[in-house]
Every structure is written in structure tokens, then in C-alpha cells.
């Protein structure tokens, strides 16, 4: 699991590269570094909050639903639907860009 996290974090962010190149062209490279660090901090906070909410709501749903078999199956289908929605939005953005 740690290798996956490190490999994702090692990939450069295209937005950060744009900010760094722009700040370098304007002679404000230190400001670009600071802006890039703040972008990373904001992304980390946002992803952490979303993951925490998702985990918390799943635990809450399991607590209210009890340990019924149908609830586990329902959660699996909801998670699958969410994955297809993310894939669909990505495909839509790709097709709009082509």
C-alpha cells in the first residue's frame, strides 16, 4: 500500500508544473514554489476530508442498517455505481477534449 501511495505522489502535477514554469518566466520562482506547496496542501486536505467523510458515512450506514446481508450487497452496488460515474465523467472529459 505504501508503494502505491509513493508512486502516485512521485508523479508531477501538471498544474504545479505550469505554476512553476510561469513563476520562473516572471522571475518569481520562490513565489512559484510557495504556491505549489500550498496547492499540494490544499489537495491533501481535500482528499483527506472526502475520504474521511466517505468512510464515516459508510460506517454510519452499516450501524443503522445492522449487519443485514442485503445492506452489504447494496453498498457494493452503490460503490460500483460510483466507480462507473467517475469513469463516465473521465470518458466524457476525454471525448470533449478530442
PDB file of N, CA and C in Angstrom:
ATOM      1  N   UNK A   1       0.822  -1.178   0.000  1.00  0.00           N
ATOM      2  CA  UNK A   1       0.000   0.000   0.000  1.00  0.00           C
ATOM      3  C   UNK A   1       0.877   1.257   0.000  1.00  0.00           C
ATOM      4  N   UNK A   2       1.961   1.225   0.746  1.00  0.00           N
ATOM      5  CA  UNK A   2       2.855   2.376   0.804  1.00  0.00           C
ATOM      6  C   UNK A   2       3.495   2.635  -0.561  1.00  0.00           C
ATOM      7  N   UNK A   3       3.800   1.580  -1.301  1.00  0.00           N
ATOM      8  CA  UNK A   3       4.402   1.748  -2.621  1.00  0.00           C
ATOM      9  C   UNK A   3       3.437   2.446  -3.578  1.00  0.00           C
ATOM     10  N   UNK A   4       2.156   2.137  -3.468  1.00  0.00           N
ATOM     11  CA  UNK A   4       1.157   2.787  -4.324  1.00  0.00           C
ATOM     12  C   UNK A   4       1.073   4.276  -3.993  1.00  0.00           C
ATOM     13  N   UNK A   5       1.053   4.597  -2.710  1.00  0.00           N
ATOM     14  CA  UNK A   5       0.979   5.997  -2.288  1.00  0.00           C
ATOM     15  C   UNK A   5       2.210   6.757  -2.751  1.00  0.00           C
ATOM     16  N   UNK A   6       3.381   6.161  -2.590  1.00  0.00           N
ATOM     17  CA  UNK A   6       4.613   6.825  -3.012  1.00  0.00           C
ATOM     18  C   UNK A   6       4.685   6.990  -4.529  1.00  0.00           C
ATOM     19  N   UNK A   7       4.211   6.001  -5.263  1.00  0.00           N
ATOM     20  CA  UNK A   7       4.269   6.115  -6.724  1.00  0.00           C
ATOM     21  C   UNK A   7       3.308   7.184  -7.236  1.00  0.00           C
ATOM     22  N   UNK A   8       2.151   7.330  -6.622  1.00  0.00           N
ATOM     23  CA  UNK A   8       1.214   8.378  -7.022  1.00  0.00           C
ATOM     24  C   UNK A   8       1.781   9.745  -6.661  1.00  0.00           C
ATOM     25  N   UNK A   9       2.388   9.854  -5.492  1.00  0.00           N
ATOM     26  CA  UNK A   9       2.956  11.129  -5.063  1.00  0.00           C
ATOM     27  C   UNK A   9       4.193  11.523  -5.844  1.00  0.00           C
ATOM     28  N   UNK A  10       4.880  10.585  -6.455  1.00  0.00           N
ATOM     29  CA  UNK A  10       6.099  10.884  -7.204  1.00  0.00           C
ATOM     30  C   UNK A  10       5.802  11.455  -8.582  1.00  0.00           C
ATOM     31  N   UNK A  11       4.590  11.268  -9.062  1.00  0.00           N
ATOM     32  CA  UNK A  11       4.213  11.793 -10.387  1.00  0.00           C
ATOM     33  C   UNK A  11       4.012  13.297 -10.282  1.00  0.00           C
ATOM     34  N   UNK A  12       4.646  14.070 -11.179  1.00  0.00           N
ATOM     35  CA  UNK A  12       4.487  15.526 -11.087  1.00  0.00           C
ATOM     36  C   UNK A  12       3.091  15.972 -11.490  1.00  0.00           C
ATOM     37  N   UNK A  13       2.600  16.949 -10.807  1.00  0.00           N
ATOM     38  CA  UNK A  13       1.286  17.515 -11.095  1.00  0.00           C
ATOM     39  C   UNK A  13       1.429  18.520 -12.232  1.00  0.00           C
ATOM     40  N   UNK A  14       0.581  18.395 -13.248  1.00  0.00           N
ATOM     41  CA  UNK A  14       0.685  19.294 -14.397  1.00  0.00           C
ATOM     42  C   UNK A  14       0.383  20.739 -14.012  1.00  0.00           C
ATOM     43  N   UNK A  15      -0.545  20.942 -13.098  1.00  0.00           N
ATOM     44  CA  UNK A  15      -0.845  22.299 -12.644  1.00  0.00           C
ATOM     45  C   UNK A  15       0.332  22.920 -11.914  1.00  0.00           C
ATOM     46  N   UNK A  16       1.016  22.120 -11.102  1.00  0.00           N
ATOM     47  CA  UNK A  16       2.187  22.629 -10.393  1.00  0.00           C
ATOM     48  C   UNK A  16       3.307  22.966 -11.367  1.00  0.00           C
ATOM     49  N   UNK A  17       3.460  22.159 -12.408  1.00  0.00           N
ATOM     50  CA  UNK A  17       4.489  22.448 -13.410  1.00  0.00           C
ATOM     51  C   UNK A  17       4.193  23.754 -14.137  1.00  0.00           C
ATOM     52  N   UNK A  18       2.932  24.004 -14.445  1.00  0.00           N
ATOM     53  CA  UNK A  18       2.558  25.248 -15.113  1.00  0.00           C
ATOM     54  C   UNK A  18       2.860  26.445 -14.208  1.00  0.00           C
ATOM     55  N   UNK A  19       2.503  26.337 -12.933  1.00  0.00           N
ATOM     56  CA  UNK A  19       2.773  27.426 -11.992  1.00  0.00           C
ATOM     57  C   UNK A  19       4.270  27.667 -11.863  1.00  0.00           C
ATOM     58  N   UNK A  20       5.041  26.594 -11.769  1.00  0.00           N
ATOM     59  CA  UNK A  20       6.495  26.757 -11.623  1.00  0.00           C
ATOM     60  C   UNK A  20       7.129  27.362 -12.871  1.00  0.00           C
ATOM     61  N   UNK A  21       6.725  26.923 -14.038  1.00  0.00           N
ATOM     62  CA  UNK A  21       7.284  27.479 -15.280  1.00  0.00           C
ATOM     63  C   UNK A  21       6.890  28.946 -15.425  1.00  0.00           C
ATOM     64  N   UNK A  22       5.641  29.275 -15.128  1.00  0.00           N
ATOM     65  CA  UNK A  22       5.203  30.663 -15.220  1.00  0.00           C
ATOM     66  C   UNK A  22       5.956  31.540 -14.225  1.00  0.00           C
ATOM     67  N   UNK A  23       6.081  31.064 -12.989  1.00  0.00           N
ATOM     68  CA  UNK A  23       6.788  31.879 -11.993  1.00  0.00           C
ATOM     69  C   UNK A  23       8.260  32.042 -12.361  1.00  0.00           C
ATOM     70  N   UNK A  24       8.859  31.032 -12.963  1.00  0.00           N
ATOM     71  CA  UNK A  24      10.250  31.138 -13.407  1.00  0.00           C
ATOM     72  C   UNK A  24      10.370  32.162 -14.537  1.00  0.00           C
ATOM     73  N   UNK A  25       9.411  32.173 -15.443  1.00  0.00           N
ATOM     74  CA  UNK A  25       9.468  33.126 -16.557  1.00  0.00           C
ATOM     75  C   UNK A  25       9.266  34.567 -16.087  1.00  0.00           C
ATOM     76  N   UNK A  26       8.594  34.735 -14.950  1.00  0.00           N
ATOM     77  CA  UNK A  26       8.354  36.072 -14.420  1.00  0.00           C
ATOM     78  C   UNK A  26       9.402  36.495 -13.391  1.00  0.00           C
ATOM     79  N   UNK A  27      10.355  35.609 -13.119  1.00  0.00           N
ATOM     80  CA  UNK A  27      11.399  35.918 -12.145  1.00  0.00           C
ATOM     81  C   UNK A  27      10.946  35.800 -10.704  1.00  0.00           C
ATOM     82  N   UNK A  28       9.897  35.051 -10.470  1.00  0.00           N
ATOM     83  CA  UNK A  28       9.343  34.875  -9.120  1.00  0.00           C
ATOM     84  C   UNK A  28       9.321  33.392  -8.744  1.00  0.00           C
ATOM     85  N   UNK A  29      10.457  32.728  -8.902  1.00  0.00           N
ATOM     86  CA  UNK A  29      10.484  31.278  -8.704  1.00  0.00           C
ATOM     87  C   UNK A  29      10.156  30.894  -7.263  1.00  0.00           C
ATOM     88  N   UNK A  30      10.599  31.668  -6.287  1.00  0.00           N
ATOM     89  CA  UNK A  30      10.305  31.359  -4.885  1.00  0.00           C
ATOM     90  C   UNK A  30       8.800  31.431  -4.619  1.00  0.00           C
ATOM     91  N   UNK A  31       8.124  32.412  -5.221  1.00  0.00           N
ATOM     92  CA  UNK A  31       6.667  32.506  -5.083  1.00  0.00           C
ATOM     93  C   UNK A  31       5.987  31.296  -5.739  1.00  0.00           C
ATOM     94  N   UNK A  32       6.545  30.826  -6.853  1.00  0.00           N
ATOM     95  CA  UNK A  32       6.000  29.646  -7.514  1.00  0.00           C
ATOM     96  C   UNK A  32       6.142  28.401  -6.662  1.00  0.00           C
ATOM     97  N   UNK A  33       7.290  28.275  -6.003  1.00  0.00           N
ATOM     98  CA  UNK A  33       7.488  27.128  -5.102  1.00  0.00           C
ATOM     99  C   UNK A  33       6.491  27.183  -3.955  1.00  0.00           C
ATOM    100  N   UNK A  34       6.314  28.364  -3.378  1.00  0.00           N
ATOM    101  CA  UNK A  34       5.365  28.528  -2.278  1.00  0.00           C
ATOM    102  C   UNK A  34       3.934  28.208  -2.741  1.00  0.00           C
ATOM    103  N   UNK A  35       3.560  28.706  -3.933  1.00  0.00           N
ATOM    104  CA  UNK A  35       2.220  28.437  -4.468  1.00  0.00           C
ATOM    105  C   UNK A  35       2.021  26.941  -4.719  1.00  0.00           C
ATOM    106  N   UNK A  36       3.055  26.279  -5.223  1.00  0.00           N
ATOM    107  CA  UNK A  36       2.964  24.843  -5.483  1.00  0.00           C
ATOM    108  C   UNK A  36       2.799  24.056  -4.181  1.00  0.00           C
ATOM    109  N   UNK A  37       3.520  24.442  -3.160  1.00  0.00           N
ATOM    110  CA  UNK A  37       3.375  23.770  -1.863  1.00  0.00           C
ATOM    111  C   UNK A  37       1.970  23.972  -1.294  1.00  0.00           C
ATOM    112  N   UNK A  38       1.433  25.178  -1.449  1.00  0.00           N
ATOM    113  CA  UNK A  38       0.069  25.427  -0.975  1.00  0.00           C
ATOM    114  C   UNK A  38      -0.965  24.644  -1.781  1.00  0.00           C
ATOM    115  N   UNK A  39      -0.729  24.491  -3.086  1.00  0.00           N
ATOM    116  CA  UNK A  39      -1.626  23.675  -3.908  1.00  0.00           C
ATOM    117  C   UNK A  39      -1.622  22.224  -3.421  1.00  0.00           C
ATOM    118  N   UNK A  40      -0.447  21.708  -3.126  1.00  0.00           N
ATOM    119  CA  UNK A  40      -0.350  20.343  -2.621  1.00  0.00           C
ATOM    120  C   UNK A  40      -1.027  20.179  -1.273  1.00  0.00           C
ATOM    121  N   UNK A  41      -0.864  21.175  -0.411  1.00  0.00           N
ATOM    122  CA  UNK A  41      -1.507  21.129   0.904  1.00  0.00           C
ATOM    123  C   UNK A  41      -3.029  21.139   0.757  1.00  0.00           C
ATOM    124  N   UNK A  42      -3.531  22.001  -0.118  1.00  0.00           N
ATOM    125  CA  UNK A  42      -4.983  22.054  -0.348  1.00  0.00           C
ATOM    126  C   UNK A  42      -5.531  20.758  -0.912  1.00  0.00           C
ATOM    127  N   UNK A  43      -4.799  20.167  -1.838  1.00  0.00           N
ATOM    128  CA  UNK A  43      -5.220  18.893  -2.410  1.00  0.00           C
ATOM    129  C   UNK A  43      -5.223  17.802  -1.346  1.00  0.00           C
ATOM    130  N   UNK A  44      -4.189  17.774  -0.526  1.00  0.00           N
ATOM    131  CA  UNK A  44      -4.111  16.772   0.540  1.00  0.00           C
ATOM    132  C   UNK A  44      -5.250  16.906   1.535  1.00  0.00           C
ATOM    133  N   UNK A  45      -5.562  18.140   1.918  1.00  0.00           N
ATOM    134  CA  UNK A  45      -6.661  18.367   2.864  1.00  0.00           C
ATOM    135  C   UNK A  45      -7.988  17.943   2.247  1.00  0.00           C
ATOM    136  N   UNK A  46      -8.223  18.319   1.001  1.00  0.00           N
ATOM    137  CA  UNK A  46      -9.479  17.987   0.338  1.00  0.00           C
ATOM    138  C   UNK A  46      -9.664  16.478   0.196  1.00  0.00           C
ATOM    139  N   UNK A  47      -8.641  15.786  -0.267  1.00  0.00           N
ATOM    140  CA  UNK A  47      -8.737  14.337  -0.438  1.00  0.00           C
ATOM    141  C   UNK A  47      -8.917  13.644   0.908  1.00  0.00           C
ATOM    142  N   UNK A  48      -8.215  14.111   1.931  1.00  0.00           N
ATOM    143  CA  UNK A  48      -8.347  13.515   3.268  1.00  0.00           C
ATOM    144  C   UNK A  48      -9.759  13.697   3.816  1.00  0.00           C
ATOM    145  N   UNK A  49     -10.321  14.892   3.641  1.00  0.00           N
ATOM    146  CA  UNK A  49     -11.682  15.130   4.122  1.00  0.00           C
ATOM    147  C   UNK A  49     -12.703  14.276   3.375  1.00  0.00           C
ATOM    148  N   UNK A  50     -12.565  14.186   2.064  1.00  0.00           N
ATOM    149  CA  UNK A  50     -13.504  13.366   1.294  1.00  0.00           C
ATOM    150  C   UNK A  50     -13.416  11.891   1.675  1.00  0.00           C
ATOM    151  N   UNK A  51     -12.190  11.405   1.871  1.00  0.00           N
ATOM    152  CA  UNK A  51     -12.030  10.002   2.273  1.00  0.00           C
ATOM    153  C   UNK A  51     -12.596   9.770   3.669  1.00  0.00           C
ATOM    154  N   UNK A  52     -12.386  10.722   4.565  1.00  0.00           N
ATOM    155  CA  UNK A  52     -12.921  10.588   5.927  1.00  0.00           C
ATOM    156  C   UNK A  52     -14.442  10.597   5.925  1.00  0.00           C
ATOM    157  N   UNK A  53     -15.039  11.505   5.139  1.00  0.00           N
ATOM    158  CA  UNK A  53     -16.496  11.532   5.046  1.00  0.00           C
ATOM    159  C   UNK A  53     -17.038  10.236   4.460  1.00  0.00           C
ATOM    160  N   UNK A  54     -16.412   9.744   3.417  1.00  0.00           N
ATOM    161  CA  UNK A  54     -16.885   8.509   2.791  1.00  0.00           C
ATOM    162  C   UNK A  54     -16.803   7.345   3.778  1.00  0.00           C
ATOM    163  N   UNK A  55     -15.691   7.240   4.488  1.00  0.00           N
ATOM    164  CA  UNK A  55     -15.538   6.159   5.463  1.00  0.00           C
ATOM    165  C   UNK A  55     -16.545   6.311   6.604  1.00  0.00           C
ATOM    166  N   UNK A  56     -16.710   7.534   7.093  1.00  0.00           N
ATOM    167  CA  UNK A  56     -17.643   7.769   8.192  1.00  0.00           C
ATOM    168  C   UNK A  56     -19.080   7.476   7.814  1.00  0.00           C
ATOM    169  N   UNK A  57     -19.486   7.908   6.615  1.00  0.00           N
ATOM    170  CA  UNK A  57     -20.851   7.650   6.186  1.00  0.00           C
ATOM    171  C   UNK A  57     -21.094   6.166   5.942  1.00  0.00           C
ATOM    172  N   UNK A  58     -20.085   5.461   5.475  1.00  0.00           N
ATOM    173  CA  UNK A  58     -20.245   4.023   5.279  1.00  0.00           C
ATOM    174  C   UNK A  58     -20.414   3.330   6.635  1.00  0.00           C
ATOM    175  N   UNK A  59     -19.622   3.727   7.620  1.00  0.00           N
ATOM    176  CA  UNK A  59     -19.752   3.146   8.963  1.00  0.00           C
ATOM    177  C   UNK A  59     -21.118   3.479   9.569  1.00  0.00           C
ATOM    178  N   UNK A  60     -21.585   4.706   9.348  1.00  0.00           N
ATOM    179  CA  UNK A  60     -22.886   5.114   9.859  1.00  0.00           C
ATOM    180  C   UNK A  60     -24.009   4.303   9.210  1.00  0.00           C
ATOM    181  N   UNK A  61     -23.917   4.100   7.913  1.00  0.00           N
ATOM    182  CA  UNK A  61     -24.935   3.307   7.217  1.00  0.00           C
ATOM    183  C   UNK A  61     -24.935   1.867   7.704  1.00  0.00           C
ATOM    184  N   UNK A  62     -23.747   1.326   7.968  1.00  0.00           N
ATOM    185  CA  UNK A  62     -23.687  -0.050   8.469  1.00  0.00           C
ATOM    186  C   UNK A  62     -24.245  -0.136   9.883  1.00  0.00           C
ATOM    187  N   UNK A  63     -24.036   0.894  10.691  1.00  0.00           N
ATOM    188  CA  UNK A  63     -24.548   0.882  12.061  1.00  0.00           C
ATOM    189  C   UNK A  63     -26.069   0.954  12.073  1.00  0.00           C
ATOM    190  N   UNK A  64     -26.650   1.838  11.238  1.00  0.00           N
ATOM    191  CA  UNK A  64     -28.101   1.971  11.194  1.00  0.00           C
ATOM    192  C   UNK A  64     -28.760   0.794  10.495  1.00  0.00           C
ATOM    193  N   UNK A  65     -28.080   0.215   9.529  1.00  0.00           N
ATOM    194  CA  UNK A  65     -28.651  -0.893   8.785  1.00  0.00           C
ATOM    195  C   UNK A  65     -28.443  -2.232   9.452  1.00  0.00           C
ATOM    196  N   UNK A  66     -27.667  -2.257  10.503  1.00  0.00           N
ATOM    197  CA  UNK A  66     -27.363  -3.523  11.151  1.00  0.00           C
ATOM    198  C   UNK A  66     -26.394  -4.324  10.302  1.00  0.00           C
ATOM    199  N   UNK A  67     -26.339  -5.579  10.534  1.00  0.00           N
ATOM    200  CA  UNK A  67     -25.435  -6.449   9.780  1.00  0.00           C
ATOM    201  C   UNK A  67     -26.206  -7.286   8.774  1.00  0.00           C
ATOM    202  N   UNK A  68     -27.232  -6.691   8.197  1.00  0.00           N
ATOM    203  CA  UNK A  68     -28.063  -7.416   7.236  1.00  0.00           C
ATOM    204  C   UNK A  68     -27.270  -7.680   5.962  1.00  0.00           C
ATOM    205  N   UNK A  69     -27.495  -8.832   5.384  1.00  0.00           N
ATOM    206  CA  UNK A  69     -26.797  -9.201   4.153  1.00  0.00           C
ATOM    207  C   UNK A  69     -27.156  -8.289   2.991  1.00  0.00           C
ATOM    208  N   UNK A  70     -28.406  -7.868   2.954  1.00  0.00           N
ATOM    209  CA  UNK A  70     -28.834  -7.025   1.849  1.00  0.00           C
ATOM    210  C   UNK A  70     -28.119  -5.681   1.863  1.00  0.00           C
ATOM    211  N   UNK A  71     -27.759  -5.177   3.055  1.00  0.00           N
ATOM    212  CA  UNK A  71     -27.088  -3.891   3.135  1.00  0.00           C
ATOM    213  C   UNK A  71     -25.676  -3.976   2.555  1.00  0.00           C
ATOM    214  N   UNK A  72     -24.987  -5.081   2.814  1.00  0.00           N
ATOM    215  CA  UNK A  72     -23.660  -5.253   2.238  1.00  0.00           C
ATOM    216  C   UNK A  72     -23.717  -5.318   0.729  1.00  0.00           C
ATOM    217  N   UNK A  73     -24.719  -5.991   0.227  1.00  0.00           N
ATOM    218  CA  UNK A  73     -24.899  -6.071  -1.225  1.00  0.00           C
ATOM    219  C   UNK A  73     -25.260  -4.708  -1.801  1.00  0.00           C
ATOM    220  N   UNK A  74     -26.112  -3.969  -1.112  1.00  0.00           N
ATOM    221  CA  UNK A  74     -26.493  -2.635  -1.566  1.00  0.00           C
ATOM    222  C   UNK A  74     -25.282  -1.706  -1.594  1.00  0.00           C
ATOM    223  N   UNK A  75     -24.452  -1.767  -0.554  1.00  0.00           N
ATOM    224  CA  UNK A  75     -23.255  -0.920  -0.507  1.00  0.00           C
ATOM    225  C   UNK A  75     -22.312  -1.270  -1.650  1.00  0.00           C
ATOM    226  N   UNK A  76     -22.198  -2.544  -1.961  1.00  0.00           N
ATOM    227  CA  UNK A  76     -21.327  -2.957  -3.061  1.00  0.00           C
ATOM    228  C   UNK A  76     -21.820  -2.371  -4.373  1.00  0.00           C
ATOM    229  N   UNK A  77     -23.126  -2.409  -4.610  1.00  0.00           N
ATOM    230  CA  UNK A  77     -23.690  -1.860  -5.846  1.00  0.00           C
ATOM    231  C   UNK A  77     -23.542  -0.344  -5.902  1.00  0.00           C
ATOM    232  N   UNK A  78     -23.711   0.323  -4.770  1.00  0.00           N
ATOM    233  CA  UNK A  78     -23.536   1.777  -4.730  1.00  0.00           C
ATOM    234  C   UNK A  78     -22.088   2.150  -5.040  1.00  0.00           C
ATOM    235  N   UNK A  79     -21.139   1.406  -4.472  1.00  0.00           N
ATOM    236  CA  UNK A  79     -19.729   1.667  -4.754  1.00  0.00           C
ATOM    237  C   UNK A  79     -19.399   1.412  -6.220  1.00  0.00           C
ATOM    238  N   UNK A  80     -19.977   0.377  -6.787  1.00  0.00           N
ATOM    239  CA  UNK A  80     -19.767   0.084  -8.203  1.00  0.00           C
ATOM    240  C   UNK A  80     -20.360   1.188  -9.078  1.00  0.00           C
ATOM    241  N   UNK A  81     -21.536   1.666  -8.722  1.00  0.00           N
ATOM    242  CA  UNK A  81     -22.160   2.763  -9.460  1.00  0.00           C
ATOM    243  C   UNK A  81     -21.284   4.021  -9.382  1.00  0.00           C
ATOM    244  N   UNK A  82     -20.725   4.295  -8.202  1.00  0.00           N
ATOM    245  CA  UNK A  82     -19.830   5.435  -8.053  1.00  0.00           C
ATOM    246  C   UNK A  82     -18.598   5.310  -8.929  1.00  0.00           C
ATOM    247  N   UNK A  83     -18.048   4.108  -9.007  1.00  0.00           N
ATOM    248  CA  UNK A  83     -16.875   3.892  -9.861  1.00  0.00           C
ATOM    249  C   UNK A  83     -17.222   4.120 -11.325  1.00  0.00           C
ATOM    250  N   UNK A  84     -18.403   3.656 -11.750  1.00  0.00           N
ATOM    251  CA  UNK A  84     -18.823   3.873 -13.133  1.00  0.00           C
ATOM    252  C   UNK A  84     -19.090   5.352 -13.412  1.00  0.00           C
ATOM    253  N   UNK A  85     -19.609   6.070 -12.428  1.00  0.00           N
ATOM    254  CA  UNK A  85     -19.831   7.505 -12.607  1.00  0.00           C
ATOM    255  C   UNK A  85     -18.506   8.246 -12.794  1.00  0.00           C
ATOM    256  N   UNK A  86     -17.513   7.920 -11.977  1.00  0.00           N
ATOM    257  CA  UNK A  86     -16.198   8.551 -12.116  1.00  0.00           C
ATOM    258  C   UNK A  86     -15.606   8.216 -13.479  1.00  0.00           C
ATOM    259  N   UNK A  87     -15.703   6.953 -13.889  1.00  0.00           N
ATOM    260  CA  UNK A  87     -15.206   6.545 -15.200  1.00  0.00           C
ATOM    261  C   UNK A  87     -15.943   7.284 -16.314  1.00  0.00           C
ATOM    262  N   UNK A  88     -17.260   7.409 -16.171  1.00  0.00           N
ATOM    263  CA  UNK A  88     -18.060   8.098 -17.179  1.00  0.00           C
ATOM    264  C   UNK A  88     -17.686   9.567 -17.317  1.00  0.00           C
ATOM    265  N   UNK A  89     -17.474  10.241 -16.179  1.00  0.00           N
ATOM    266  CA  UNK A  89     -17.059  11.642 -16.244  1.00  0.00           C
ATOM    267  C   UNK A  89     -15.684  11.766 -16.892  1.00  0.00           C
ATOM    268  N   UNK A  90     -14.781  10.871 -16.558  1.00  0.00           N
ATOM    269  CA  UNK A  90     -13.460  10.897 -17.189  1.00  0.00           C
ATOM    270  C   UNK A  90     -13.549  10.678 -18.686  1.00  0.00           C
ATOM    271  N   UNK A  91     -14.367   9.741 -19.105  1.00  0.00           N
ATOM    272  CA  UNK A  91     -14.555   9.477 -20.529  1.00  0.00           C
ATOM    273  C   UNK A  91     -15.207  10.669 -21.223  1.00  0.00           C
ATOM    274  N   UNK A  92     -16.170  11.282 -20.567  1.00  0.00           N
ATOM    275  CA  UNK A  92     -16.836  12.465 -21.118  1.00  0.00           C
ATOM    276  C   UNK A  92     -15.833  13.611 -21.304  1.00  0.00           C
ATOM    277  N   UNK A  93     -14.980  13.840 -20.314  1.00  0.00           N
ATOM    278  CA  UNK A  93     -13.964  14.887 -20.425  1.00  0.00           C
ATOM    279  C   UNK A  93     -12.963  14.565 -21.535  1.00  0.00           C
ATOM    280  N   UNK A  94     -12.600  13.293 -21.661  1.00  0.00           N
ATOM    281  CA  UNK A  94     -11.679  12.891 -22.712  1.00  0.00           C
ATOM    282  C   UNK A  94     -12.297  13.137 -24.087  1.00  0.00           C
ATOM    283  N   UNK A  95     -13.536  12.727 -24.277  1.00  0.00           N
ATOM    284  CA  UNK A  95     -14.197  12.904 -25.566  1.00  0.00           C
ATOM    285  C   UNK A  95     -14.418  14.381 -25.884  1.00  0.00           C
ATOM    286  N   UNK A  96     -14.686  15.191 -24.868  1.00  0.00           N
ATOM    287  CA  UNK A  96     -14.868  16.620 -25.093  1.00  0.00           C
ATOM    288  C   UNK A  96     -13.555  17.296 -25.477  1.00  0.00           C
ATOM    289  N   UNK A  97     -12.458  16.707 -25.061  1.00  0.00           N
ATOM    290  CA  UNK A  97     -11.143  17.284 -25.321  1.00  0.00           C
ATOM    291  C   UNK A  97     -10.605  16.879 -26.693  1.00  0.00           C
ATOM    292  N   UNK A  98     -11.135  15.803 -27.248  1.00  0.00           N
ATOM    293  CA  UNK A  98     -10.608  15.303 -28.532  1.00  0.00           C
ATOM    294  C   UNK A  98     -11.207  16.078 -29.687  1.00  0.00           C
TER     295      UNK A  98
END
